[in-house]
Amino acid sequence: MLRLKFLLLIFLLSAFYQQAKTQQISKEDLLFLTPEWKGERFPDGRPKVPDNLMKRMKLVSVEEAWAVMKNAGYGYQIAEGWQQINPDSVLVGRAVTATFMPARPDVWGAIDARGKKAGKKGQNSWPVELLVKGDVYVADQFGAHKNGPTIGDNVGNAIFAKTGNGIVYDGALRDVEGLKEIGGFTSYYTSYDPSYHNPPGDLNTMIIGINQPTRIRQVTVMPGDVVLGKSGIVIFIPPHLAEKVVKTSEVVRLRDMFGHLRLREGKYTAGQIDARWSDEIEKDFSKWLNDHISELPVPKEQIQEYLKDRTW
């Protein structure tokens, strides 16, 4: 009898734990949906692309990332048409996703009651609680404008304090002037409106998913995707392609530096550099890499690895 009571208690605690997670995907489901990622993960199962790759990602161009993903069969992982905060800065981080939908009282009430049982307040803050350093908050706010903003300068400051990063937010922000005062809050958003979500008597939004697959414009975004925002465009890179994107970009960067240098020197013609390089140019490139290995904007160990695989 005692054993039965113990098992019942475990069952009830487990049920309460599942309820307390509040709209968040289970670790098992997240592992199931991200099978290509073989590296480190956060405790909840979200892929954790290494910090050194995230740092190097800042120099990757949108075109370089697009080309690698296109060749891997990932089509158009790019979202366009944003307003920006700190438009001259680069946004790089690991995605934490949130999905909102137009509210209906019965569903909103059920979700909110579940959150209250877990000790939570304000649905707009639930995803923020999960953020850690280096994350980017990525929210599908279904483009909501009037009475839609779930982020103002208070929530924005909370996000920045946790992540040191900005947001990708398909909806309206409020308090944009205050958000612009947050240094480093590089953000992409759809519109601005001074109203706020769910004012008394006018229910407008409800949170449906946290760290679940979500949609940003025409892109499916997964928790743990690498977010790269620059030049008004946001691209979402699957974690298992992040290293290939970075290394491909670095090789292209080095070849461009070398090619442009030799063109300015007049050693080769534009036709020679634009075409497939001859053995002579490839040998010259390898020598140039060796001679300048400590001066180039690519980690020395990465250049050494690249040279090791070359035959010229």
C-alpha atoms as a PDB file:
ATOM      1  CA  MET A   1       0.000   0.000   0.000  1.00  0.00           C
ATOM      2  CA  LEU A   2       2.851   2.354   0.892  1.00  0.00           C
ATOM      3  CA  ARG A   3       4.536   1.593  -2.410  1.00  0.00           C
ATOM      4  CA  LEU A   4       1.318   2.386  -4.285  1.00  0.00           C
ATOM      5  CA  LYS A   5       1.019   5.751  -2.527  1.00  0.00           C
ATOM      6  CA  PHE A   6       4.647   6.496  -3.382  1.00  0.00           C
ATOM      7  CA  LEU A   7       4.092   5.722  -7.059  1.00  0.00           C
ATOM      8  CA  LEU A   8       0.954   7.858  -7.068  1.00  0.00           C
ATOM      9  CA  LEU A   9       2.899  10.745  -5.559  1.00  0.00           C
ATOM     10  CA  ILE A  10       5.592  10.410  -8.241  1.00  0.00           C
ATOM     11  CA  PHE A  11       2.912  10.417 -10.934  1.00  0.00           C
ATOM     12  CA  LEU A  12       1.277  13.560  -9.537  1.00  0.00           C
ATOM     13  CA  LEU A  13       4.618  15.352  -9.214  1.00  0.00           C
ATOM     14  CA  SER A  14       5.495  14.408 -12.788  1.00  0.00           C
ATOM     15  CA  ALA A  15       2.145  15.700 -14.026  1.00  0.00           C
ATOM     16  CA  PHE A  16       2.625  18.942 -12.131  1.00  0.00           C
ATOM     17  CA  TYR A  17       6.123  19.322 -13.587  1.00  0.00           C
ATOM     18  CA  GLN A  18       4.808  18.874 -17.125  1.00  0.00           C
ATOM     19  CA  GLN A  19       2.105  21.431 -16.414  1.00  0.00           C
ATOM     20  CA  ALA A  20       4.591  23.863 -14.909  1.00  0.00           C
ATOM     21  CA  LYS A  21       6.673  24.003 -18.067  1.00  0.00           C
ATOM     22  CA  THR A  22       3.810  26.007 -19.584  1.00  0.00           C
ATOM     23  CA  GLN A  23       3.616  25.740 -23.360  1.00  0.00           C
ATOM     24  CA  GLN A  24       7.259  24.626 -23.626  1.00  0.00           C
ATOM     25  CA  ILE A  25       8.267  21.751 -25.875  1.00  0.00           C
ATOM     26  CA  SER A  26       9.567  18.644 -24.116  1.00  0.00           C
ATOM     27  CA  LYS A  27      13.233  17.740 -24.260  1.00  0.00           C
ATOM     28  CA  GLU A  28      12.356  14.471 -25.984  1.00  0.00           C
ATOM     29  CA  ASP A  29      10.443  16.258 -28.740  1.00  0.00           C
ATOM     30  CA  LEU A  30      13.217  18.784 -29.223  1.00  0.00           C
ATOM     31  CA  LEU A  31      15.779  15.991 -29.570  1.00  0.00           C
ATOM     32  CA  PHE A  32      13.458  14.299 -32.054  1.00  0.00           C
ATOM     33  CA  LEU A  33      13.076  17.432 -34.172  1.00  0.00           C
ATOM     34  CA  THR A  34      16.815  18.290 -34.276  1.00  0.00           C
ATOM     35  CA  PRO A  35      18.418  14.906 -35.099  1.00  0.00           C
ATOM     36  CA  GLU A  36      21.186  16.361 -37.295  1.00  0.00           C
ATOM     37  CA  TRP A  37      22.792  18.188 -34.374  1.00  0.00           C
ATOM     38  CA  LYS A  38      25.412  15.966 -32.682  1.00  0.00           C
ATOM     39  CA  GLY A  39      27.038  18.545 -30.421  1.00  0.00           C
ATOM     40  CA  GLU A  40      26.429  20.009 -26.990  1.00  0.00           C
ATOM     41  CA  ARG A  41      22.908  20.914 -25.865  1.00  0.00           C
ATOM     42  CA  PHE A  42      21.315  23.016 -23.169  1.00  0.00           C
ATOM     43  CA  PRO A  43      19.600  21.086 -20.337  1.00  0.00           C
ATOM     44  CA  ASP A  44      16.222  21.442 -22.112  1.00  0.00           C
ATOM     45  CA  GLY A  45      17.628  19.835 -25.277  1.00  0.00           C
ATOM     46  CA  ARG A  46      18.168  23.017 -27.296  1.00  0.00           C
ATOM     47  CA  PRO A  47      21.257  22.765 -29.561  1.00  0.00           C
ATOM     48  CA  LYS A  48      24.192  24.807 -28.265  1.00  0.00           C
ATOM     49  CA  VAL A  49      26.459  25.878 -31.105  1.00  0.00           C
ATOM     50  CA  PRO A  50      29.914  26.616 -29.551  1.00  0.00           C
ATOM     51  CA  ASP A  51      30.760  30.171 -28.542  1.00  0.00           C
ATOM     52  CA  ASN A  52      33.837  30.325 -30.793  1.00  0.00           C
ATOM     53  CA  LEU A  53      31.685  29.602 -33.858  1.00  0.00           C
ATOM     54  CA  MET A  54      29.159  32.219 -32.786  1.00  0.00           C
ATOM     55  CA  LYS A  55      31.941  34.797 -32.544  1.00  0.00           C
ATOM     56  CA  ARG A  56      33.295  33.917 -35.992  1.00  0.00           C
ATOM     57  CA  MET A  57      29.747  33.974 -37.422  1.00  0.00           C
ATOM     58  CA  LYS A  58      29.661  37.772 -37.121  1.00  0.00           C
ATOM     59  CA  LEU A  59      31.946  38.097 -40.160  1.00  0.00           C
ATOM     60  CA  VAL A  60      29.847  35.784 -42.353  1.00  0.00           C
ATOM     61  CA  SER A  61      27.929  37.501 -45.141  1.00  0.00           C
ATOM     62  CA  VAL A  62      24.270  36.718 -45.768  1.00  0.00           C
ATOM     63  CA  GLU A  63      25.189  35.548 -49.290  1.00  0.00           C
ATOM     64  CA  GLU A  64      27.766  33.066 -47.977  1.00  0.00           C
ATOM     65  CA  ALA A  65      25.359  31.611 -45.438  1.00  0.00           C
ATOM     66  CA  TRP A  66      22.585  31.424 -48.027  1.00  0.00           C
ATOM     67  CA  ALA A  67      24.801  29.551 -50.500  1.00  0.00           C
ATOM     68  CA  VAL A  68      25.786  26.853 -47.988  1.00  0.00           C
ATOM     69  CA  MET A  69      22.193  26.274 -46.895  1.00  0.00           C
ATOM     70  CA  LYS A  70      20.893  26.310 -50.462  1.00  0.00           C
ATOM     71  CA  ASN A  71      23.406  23.622 -51.415  1.00  0.00           C
ATOM     72  CA  ALA A  72      22.299  21.599 -48.389  1.00  0.00           C
ATOM     73  CA  GLY A  73      18.674  21.743 -49.541  1.00  0.00           C
ATOM     74  CA  TYR A  74      17.427  24.382 -47.109  1.00  0.00           C
ATOM     75  CA  GLY A  75      15.954  26.776 -49.631  1.00  0.00           C
ATOM     76  CA  TYR A  76      15.196  30.278 -48.461  1.00  0.00           C
ATOM     77  CA  GLN A  77      15.985  30.631 -44.735  1.00  0.00           C
ATOM     78  CA  ILE A  78      15.911  34.420 -45.004  1.00  0.00           C
ATOM     79  CA  ALA A  79      13.397  36.904 -43.556  1.00  0.00           C
ATOM     80  CA  GLU A  80      13.278  40.414 -45.007  1.00  0.00           C
ATOM     81  CA  GLY A  81      11.405  43.689 -44.591  1.00  0.00           C
ATOM     82  CA  TRP A  82      12.269  44.784 -41.040  1.00  0.00           C
ATOM     83  CA  GLN A  83      12.477  47.941 -39.032  1.00  0.00           C
ATOM     84  CA  GLN A  84      15.676  47.957 -36.966  1.00  0.00           C
ATOM     85  CA  ILE A  85      17.260  49.118 -33.757  1.00  0.00           C
ATOM     86  CA  ASN A  86      21.029  49.612 -34.140  1.00  0.00           C
ATOM     87  CA  PRO A  87      20.946  48.899 -37.890  1.00  0.00           C
ATOM     88  CA  ASP A  88      24.726  49.229 -38.259  1.00  0.00           C
ATOM     89  CA  SER A  89      25.394  46.375 -35.814  1.00  0.00           C
ATOM     90  CA  VAL A  90      25.396  42.631 -36.432  1.00  0.00           C
ATOM     91  CA  LEU A  91      22.977  40.358 -34.562  1.00  0.00           C
ATOM     92  CA  VAL A  92      24.274  36.854 -33.833  1.00  0.00           C
ATOM     93  CA  GLY A  93      22.899  34.380 -31.303  1.00  0.00           C
ATOM     94  CA  ARG A  94      21.083  31.136 -30.587  1.00  0.00           C
ATOM     95  CA  ALA A  95      17.326  31.253 -31.077  1.00  0.00           C
ATOM     96  CA  VAL A  96      14.847  30.925 -28.240  1.00  0.00           C
ATOM     97  CA  THR A  97      11.439  30.878 -29.903  1.00  0.00           C
ATOM     98  CA  ALA A  98       7.986  32.059 -28.882  1.00  0.00           C
ATOM     99  CA  THR A  99       4.717  31.778 -30.779  1.00  0.00           C
ATOM    100  CA  PHE A 100       1.719  34.016 -30.104  1.00  0.00           C
ATOM    101  CA  MET A 101      -1.739  33.829 -31.658  1.00  0.00           C
ATOM    102  CA  PRO A 102      -4.838  36.022 -31.620  1.00  0.00           C
ATOM    103  CA  ALA A 103      -6.458  35.447 -28.250  1.00  0.00           C
ATOM    104  CA  ARG A 104      -9.845  33.850 -27.629  1.00  0.00           C
ATOM    105  CA  PRO A 105     -11.121  33.990 -24.055  1.00  0.00           C
ATOM    106  CA  ASP A 106     -11.522  30.268 -23.384  1.00  0.00           C
ATOM    107  CA  VAL A 107      -8.071  29.259 -24.655  1.00  0.00           C
ATOM    108  CA  TRP A 108      -6.361  32.317 -23.149  1.00  0.00           C
ATOM    109  CA  GLY A 109      -7.978  31.572 -19.794  1.00  0.00           C
ATOM    110  CA  ALA A 110      -6.805  27.949 -19.827  1.00  0.00           C
ATOM    111  CA  ILE A 111      -3.242  28.913 -20.712  1.00  0.00           C
ATOM    112  CA  ASP A 112      -3.137  31.695 -18.140  1.00  0.00           C
ATOM    113  CA  ALA A 113      -4.507  29.454 -15.406  1.00  0.00           C
ATOM    114  CA  ARG A 114      -1.816  26.877 -16.126  1.00  0.00           C
ATOM    115  CA  GLY A 115       0.818  29.580 -15.881  1.00  0.00           C
ATOM    116  CA  LYS A 116      -0.531  30.893 -12.581  1.00  0.00           C
ATOM    117  CA  LYS A 117      -0.400  27.387 -11.089  1.00  0.00           C
ATOM    118  CA  ALA A 118       3.284  27.352 -12.008  1.00  0.00           C
ATOM    119  CA  GLY A 119       3.790  30.722 -10.296  1.00  0.00           C
ATOM    120  CA  LYS A 120       4.024  32.705 -13.523  1.00  0.00           C
ATOM    121  CA  LYS A 121       2.640  36.149 -14.334  1.00  0.00           C
ATOM    122  CA  GLY A 122       2.213  37.937 -17.637  1.00  0.00           C
ATOM    123  CA  GLN A 123       2.351  35.612 -20.640  1.00  0.00           C
ATOM    124  CA  ASN A 124       4.671  37.986 -22.504  1.00  0.00           C
ATOM    125  CA  SER A 125       7.418  37.371 -19.921  1.00  0.00           C
ATOM    126  CA  TRP A 126       7.321  33.565 -19.906  1.00  0.00           C
ATOM    127  CA  PRO A 127       9.816  33.021 -22.760  1.00  0.00           C
ATOM    128  CA  VAL A 128      12.112  35.711 -21.328  1.00  0.00           C
ATOM    129  CA  GLU A 129      12.645  33.593 -18.213  1.00  0.00           C
ATOM    130  CA  LEU A 130      14.425  30.946 -20.315  1.00  0.00           C
ATOM    131  CA  LEU A 131      16.968  33.247 -21.944  1.00  0.00           C
ATOM    132  CA  VAL A 132      20.694  32.964 -21.262  1.00  0.00           C
ATOM    133  CA  LYS A 133      23.770  34.863 -22.450  1.00  0.00           C
ATOM    134  CA  GLY A 134      24.153  34.765 -26.227  1.00  0.00           C
ATOM    135  CA  ASP A 135      20.511  33.956 -26.999  1.00  0.00           C
ATOM    136  CA  VAL A 136      18.263  35.843 -29.398  1.00  0.00           C
ATOM    137  CA  TYR A 137      14.564  36.060 -28.559  1.00  0.00           C
ATOM    138  CA  VAL A 138      12.693  35.116 -31.759  1.00  0.00           C
ATOM    139  CA  ALA A 139       8.940  35.693 -31.590  1.00  0.00           C
ATOM    140  CA  ASP A 140       6.119  35.132 -34.052  1.00  0.00           C
ATOM    141  CA  GLN A 141       3.664  37.831 -32.958  1.00  0.00           C
ATOM    142  CA  PHE A 142       1.612  37.270 -36.162  1.00  0.00           C
ATOM    143  CA  GLY A 143       2.367  40.879 -37.142  1.00  0.00           C
ATOM    144  CA  ALA A 144       0.038  42.168 -34.399  1.00  0.00           C
ATOM    145  CA  HIS A 145      -0.078  45.969 -34.297  1.00  0.00           C
ATOM    146  CA  LYS A 146      -2.790  47.759 -32.288  1.00  0.00           C
ATOM    147  CA  ASN A 147      -2.962  46.291 -28.764  1.00  0.00           C
ATOM    148  CA  GLY A 148      -0.330  43.803 -29.903  1.00  0.00           C
ATOM    149  CA  PRO A 149       3.045  44.820 -28.418  1.00  0.00           C
ATOM    150  CA  THR A 150       4.365  42.319 -25.881  1.00  0.00           C
ATOM    151  CA  ILE A 151       7.771  44.028 -25.686  1.00  0.00           C
ATOM    152  CA  GLY A 152       8.483  47.528 -24.433  1.00  0.00           C
ATOM    153  CA  ASP A 153      11.482  49.030 -22.683  1.00  0.00           C
ATOM    154  CA  ASN A 154      10.930  47.035 -19.457  1.00  0.00           C
ATOM    155  CA  VAL A 155      10.820  43.624 -21.154  1.00  0.00           C
ATOM    156  CA  GLY A 156      13.526  44.788 -23.575  1.00  0.00           C
ATOM    157  CA  ASN A 157      15.853  45.606 -20.690  1.00  0.00           C
ATOM    158  CA  ALA A 158      15.126  42.195 -19.148  1.00  0.00           C
ATOM    159  CA  ILE A 159      15.947  40.477 -22.435  1.00  0.00           C
ATOM    160  CA  PHE A 160      19.188  42.398 -22.851  1.00  0.00           C
ATOM    161  CA  ALA A 161      20.241  41.776 -19.249  1.00  0.00           C
ATOM    162  CA  LYS A 162      19.891  38.020 -19.785  1.00  0.00           C
ATOM    163  CA  THR A 163      21.303  37.730 -23.302  1.00  0.00           C
ATOM    164  CA  GLY A 164      23.437  40.772 -24.116  1.00  0.00           C
ATOM    165  CA  ASN A 165      21.557  40.581 -27.402  1.00  0.00           C
ATOM    166  CA  GLY A 166      18.491  41.846 -29.222  1.00  0.00           C
ATOM    167  CA  ILE A 167      15.397  40.293 -30.760  1.00  0.00           C
ATOM    168  CA  VAL A 168      13.717  39.189 -33.976  1.00  0.00           C
ATOM    169  CA  TYR A 169      10.077  40.087 -33.462  1.00  0.00           C
ATOM    170  CA  ASP A 170       7.333  39.760 -36.082  1.00  0.00           C
ATOM    171  CA  GLY A 171       4.990  42.258 -34.480  1.00  0.00           C
ATOM    172  CA  ALA A 172       4.753  45.754 -33.052  1.00  0.00           C
ATOM    173  CA  LEU A 173       7.069  47.061 -30.342  1.00  0.00           C
ATOM    174  CA  ARG A 174       6.211  49.836 -27.912  1.00  0.00           C
ATOM    175  CA  ASP A 175       8.595  52.227 -26.129  1.00  0.00           C
ATOM    176  CA  VAL A 176      10.930  52.204 -29.128  1.00  0.00           C
ATOM    177  CA  GLU A 177      12.687  55.355 -27.902  1.00  0.00           C
ATOM    178  CA  GLY A 178      13.490  53.595 -24.621  1.00  0.00           C
ATOM    179  CA  LEU A 179      14.622  50.454 -26.443  1.00  0.00           C
ATOM    180  CA  LYS A 180      17.026  52.499 -28.552  1.00  0.00           C
ATOM    181  CA  GLU A 181      18.693  53.653 -25.333  1.00  0.00           C
ATOM    182  CA  ILE A 182      19.756  50.079 -24.529  1.00  0.00           C
ATOM    183  CA  GLY A 183      23.286  49.777 -25.878  1.00  0.00           C
ATOM    184  CA  GLY A 184      23.776  46.680 -27.999  1.00  0.00           C
ATOM    185  CA  PHE A 185      20.060  45.899 -28.339  1.00  0.00           C
ATOM    186  CA  THR A 186      20.353  45.103 -32.055  1.00  0.00           C
ATOM    187  CA  SER A 187      16.824  44.192 -33.056  1.00  0.00           C
ATOM    188  CA  TYR A 188      14.560  43.462 -36.005  1.00  0.00           C
ATOM    189  CA  TYR A 189      10.837  44.185 -35.666  1.00  0.00           C
ATOM    190  CA  THR A 190       7.789  44.696 -37.865  1.00  0.00           C
ATOM    191  CA  SER A 191       6.190  47.915 -36.626  1.00  0.00           C
ATOM    192  CA  TYR A 192       5.791  50.383 -33.770  1.00  0.00           C
ATOM    193  CA  ASP A 193       2.628  51.133 -31.786  1.00  0.00           C
ATOM    194  CA  PRO A 194       2.219  52.855 -28.396  1.00  0.00           C
ATOM    195  CA  SER A 195      -0.493  50.432 -27.238  1.00  0.00           C
ATOM    196  CA  TYR A 196       0.152  47.246 -25.273  1.00  0.00           C
ATOM    197  CA  HIS A 197      -1.094  43.677 -25.455  1.00  0.00           C
ATOM    198  CA  ASN A 198      -4.272  42.597 -23.673  1.00  0.00           C
ATOM    199  CA  PRO A 199      -5.507  45.924 -22.305  1.00  0.00           C
ATOM    200  CA  PRO A 200      -8.545  45.605 -19.966  1.00  0.00           C
ATOM    201  CA  GLY A 201     -11.601  44.535 -21.906  1.00  0.00           C
ATOM    202  CA  ASP A 202      -9.721  44.020 -25.163  1.00  0.00           C
ATOM    203  CA  LEU A 203      -8.004  40.628 -25.163  1.00  0.00           C
ATOM    204  CA  ASN A 204      -5.681  40.449 -28.152  1.00  0.00           C
ATOM    205  CA  THR A 205      -2.781  37.958 -27.853  1.00  0.00           C
ATOM    206  CA  MET A 206      -1.968  34.674 -26.157  1.00  0.00           C
ATOM    207  CA  ILE A 207       1.176  32.561 -26.075  1.00  0.00           C
ATOM    208  CA  ILE A 208       0.847  29.171 -27.722  1.00  0.00           C
ATOM    209  CA  GLY A 209       4.401  27.859 -27.847  1.00  0.00           C
ATOM    210  CA  ILE A 210       7.755  28.368 -26.147  1.00  0.00           C
ATOM    211  CA  ASN A 211      10.911  26.879 -27.681  1.00  0.00           C
ATOM    212  CA  GLN A 212       8.819  25.077 -30.252  1.00  0.00           C
ATOM    213  CA  PRO A 213       9.160  25.273 -34.040  1.00  0.00           C
ATOM    214  CA  THR A 214       7.826  28.673 -35.105  1.00  0.00           C
ATOM    215  CA  ARG A 215       7.399  30.706 -38.267  1.00  0.00           C
ATOM    216  CA  ILE A 216       9.048  34.038 -38.979  1.00  0.00           C
ATOM    217  CA  ARG A 217       7.694  35.367 -42.264  1.00  0.00           C
ATOM    218  CA  GLN A 218       8.297  32.482 -44.697  1.00  0.00           C
ATOM    219  CA  VAL A 219      10.922  30.719 -42.579  1.00  0.00           C
ATOM    220  CA  THR A 220      10.552  27.808 -40.174  1.00  0.00           C
ATOM    221  CA  VAL A 221      12.720  28.565 -37.142  1.00  0.00           C
ATOM    222  CA  MET A 222      13.842  25.958 -34.622  1.00  0.00           C
ATOM    223  CA  PRO A 223      15.085  26.545 -31.064  1.00  0.00           C
ATOM    224  CA  GLY A 224      18.873  26.637 -31.222  1.00  0.00           C
ATOM    225  CA  ASP A 225      19.050  27.908 -34.794  1.00  0.00           C
ATOM    226  CA  VAL A 226      21.843  30.425 -35.286  1.00  0.00           C
ATOM    227  CA  VAL A 227      20.383  33.867 -35.923  1.00  0.00           C
ATOM    228  CA  LEU A 228      22.436  36.124 -38.210  1.00  0.00           C
ATOM    229  CA  GLY A 229      21.050  39.607 -38.767  1.00  0.00           C
ATOM    230  CA  LYS A 230      22.847  42.211 -40.857  1.00  0.00           C
ATOM    231  CA  SER A 231      22.117  44.727 -43.601  1.00  0.00           C
ATOM    232  CA  GLY A 232      18.385  44.624 -42.889  1.00  0.00           C
ATOM    233  CA  ILE A 233      18.069  40.861 -43.377  1.00  0.00           C
ATOM    234  CA  VAL A 234      17.786  37.999 -40.880  1.00  0.00           C
ATOM    235  CA  ILE A 235      18.934  34.501 -41.790  1.00  0.00           C
ATOM    236  CA  PHE A 236      18.296  31.424 -39.645  1.00  0.00           C
ATOM    237  CA  ILE A 237      21.030  28.773 -39.839  1.00  0.00           C
ATOM    238  CA  PRO A 238      20.341  25.192 -38.692  1.00  0.00           C
ATOM    239  CA  PRO A 239      22.880  24.370 -35.951  1.00  0.00           C
ATOM    240  CA  HIS A 240      24.398  21.403 -37.781  1.00  0.00           C
ATOM    241  CA  LEU A 241      25.313  23.715 -40.694  1.00  0.00           C
ATOM    242  CA  ALA A 242      26.824  26.495 -38.560  1.00  0.00           C
ATOM    243  CA  GLU A 243      30.410  25.216 -38.694  1.00  0.00           C
ATOM    244  CA  LYS A 244      30.260  24.666 -42.449  1.00  0.00           C
ATOM    245  CA  VAL A 245      28.841  28.152 -42.958  1.00  0.00           C
ATOM    246  CA  VAL A 246      31.644  29.724 -40.906  1.00  0.00           C
ATOM    247  CA  LYS A 247      34.478  27.743 -42.503  1.00  0.00           C
ATOM    248  CA  THR A 248      33.166  28.307 -46.024  1.00  0.00           C
ATOM    249  CA  SER A 249      32.906  32.015 -45.326  1.00  0.00           C
ATOM    250  CA  GLU A 250      36.468  32.148 -44.012  1.00  0.00           C
ATOM    251  CA  VAL A 251      37.880  30.422 -47.085  1.00  0.00           C
ATOM    252  CA  VAL A 252      35.952  32.777 -49.386  1.00  0.00           C
ATOM    253  CA  ARG A 253      37.171  35.761 -47.338  1.00  0.00           C
ATOM    254  CA  LEU A 254      40.818  34.679 -47.640  1.00  0.00           C
ATOM    255  CA  ARG A 255      40.578  33.987 -51.360  1.00  0.00           C
ATOM    256  CA  ASP A 256      38.922  37.361 -51.917  1.00  0.00           C
ATOM    257  CA  MET A 257      41.646  39.159 -49.937  1.00  0.00           C
ATOM    258  CA  PHE A 258      44.365  37.432 -51.925  1.00  0.00           C
ATOM    259  CA  GLY A 259      42.635  37.929 -55.277  1.00  0.00           C
ATOM    260  CA  HIS A 260      41.974  41.620 -54.687  1.00  0.00           C
ATOM    261  CA  LEU A 261      45.575  42.146 -53.569  1.00  0.00           C
ATOM    262  CA  ARG A 262      47.026  40.495 -56.653  1.00  0.00           C
ATOM    263  CA  LEU A 263      44.647  42.459 -58.911  1.00  0.00           C
ATOM    264  CA  ARG A 264      45.795  45.754 -57.364  1.00  0.00           C
ATOM    265  CA  GLU A 265      49.409  44.664 -57.820  1.00  0.00           C
ATOM    266  CA  GLY A 266      48.697  43.828 -61.465  1.00  0.00           C
ATOM    267  CA  LYS A 267      50.120  40.326 -61.077  1.00  0.00           C
ATOM    268  CA  TYR A 268      47.003  38.632 -62.479  1.00  0.00           C
ATOM    269  CA  THR A 269      44.157  39.791 -64.698  1.00  0.00           C
ATOM    270  CA  ALA A 270      40.505  39.965 -63.666  1.00  0.00           C
ATOM    271  CA  GLY A 271      39.829  37.092 -66.048  1.00  0.00           C
ATOM    272  CA  GLN A 272      42.377  34.908 -64.276  1.00  0.00           C
ATOM    273  CA  ILE A 273      40.980  35.683 -60.804  1.00  0.00           C
ATOM    274  CA  ASP A 274      37.323  35.368 -61.833  1.00  0.00           C
ATOM    275  CA  ALA A 275      37.876  32.003 -63.499  1.00  0.00           C
ATOM    276  CA  ARG A 276      38.938  28.711 -61.930  1.00  0.00           C
ATOM    277  CA  TRP A 277      42.406  29.386 -60.565  1.00  0.00           C
ATOM    278  CA  SER A 278      45.403  27.813 -62.275  1.00  0.00           C
ATOM    279  CA  ASP A 279      47.899  25.699 -60.351  1.00  0.00           C
ATOM    280  CA  GLU A 280      50.263  28.672 -60.409  1.00  0.00           C
ATOM    281  CA  ILE A 281      47.724  30.935 -58.654  1.00  0.00           C
ATOM    282  CA  GLU A 282      46.795  28.201 -56.163  1.00  0.00           C
ATOM    283  CA  LYS A 283      50.467  27.749 -55.230  1.00  0.00           C
ATOM    284  CA  ASP A 284      50.854  31.507 -54.870  1.00  0.00           C
ATOM    285  CA  PHE A 285      47.754  31.568 -52.636  1.00  0.00           C
ATOM    286  CA  SER A 286      49.123  28.819 -50.365  1.00  0.00           C
ATOM    287  CA  LYS A 287      52.437  30.633 -50.011  1.00  0.00           C
ATOM    288  CA  TRP A 288      50.618  33.903 -49.236  1.00  0.00           C
ATOM    289  CA  LEU A 289      48.598  32.157 -46.518  1.00  0.00           C
ATOM    290  CA  ASN A 290      51.763  30.748 -44.931  1.00  0.00           C
ATOM    291  CA  ASP A 291      53.588  34.065 -45.118  1.00  0.00           C
ATOM    292  CA  HIS A 292      50.737  36.050 -43.521  1.00  0.00           C
ATOM    293  CA  ILE A 293      49.121  33.427 -41.288  1.00  0.00           C
ATOM    294  CA  SER A 294      49.370  35.529 -38.123  1.00  0.00           C
ATOM    295  CA  GLU A 295      47.997  38.686 -39.737  1.00  0.00           C
ATOM    296  CA  LEU A 296      44.835  37.383 -41.389  1.00  0.00           C
ATOM    297  CA  PRO A 297      41.257  37.838 -40.040  1.00  0.00           C
ATOM    298  CA  VAL A 298      40.773  34.070 -39.623  1.00  0.00           C
ATOM    299  CA  PRO A 299      42.017  32.008 -36.657  1.00  0.00           C
ATOM    300  CA  LYS A 300      45.538  30.719 -37.265  1.00  0.00           C
ATOM    301  CA  GLU A 301      44.538  27.130 -36.457  1.00  0.00           C
ATOM    302  CA  GLN A 302      41.780  27.261 -39.083  1.00  0.00           C
ATOM    303  CA  ILE A 303      44.237  28.405 -41.763  1.00  0.00           C
ATOM    304  CA  GLN A 304      46.628  25.604 -40.760  1.00  0.00           C
ATOM    305  CA  GLU A 305      43.800  23.088 -41.071  1.00  0.00           C
ATOM    306  CA  TYR A 306      42.904  24.476 -44.480  1.00  0.00           C
ATOM    307  CA  LEU A 307      46.504  24.348 -45.707  1.00  0.00           C
ATOM    308  CA  LYS A 308      46.899  20.763 -44.506  1.00  0.00           C
ATOM    309  CA  ASP A 309      44.227  19.623 -46.978  1.00  0.00           C
ATOM    310  CA  ARG A 310      45.686  21.493 -49.956  1.00  0.00           C
ATOM    311  CA  THR A 311      47.853  19.861 -52.616  1.00  0.00           C
ATOM    312  CA  TRP A 312      49.474  23.068 -53.897  1.00  0.00           C
END
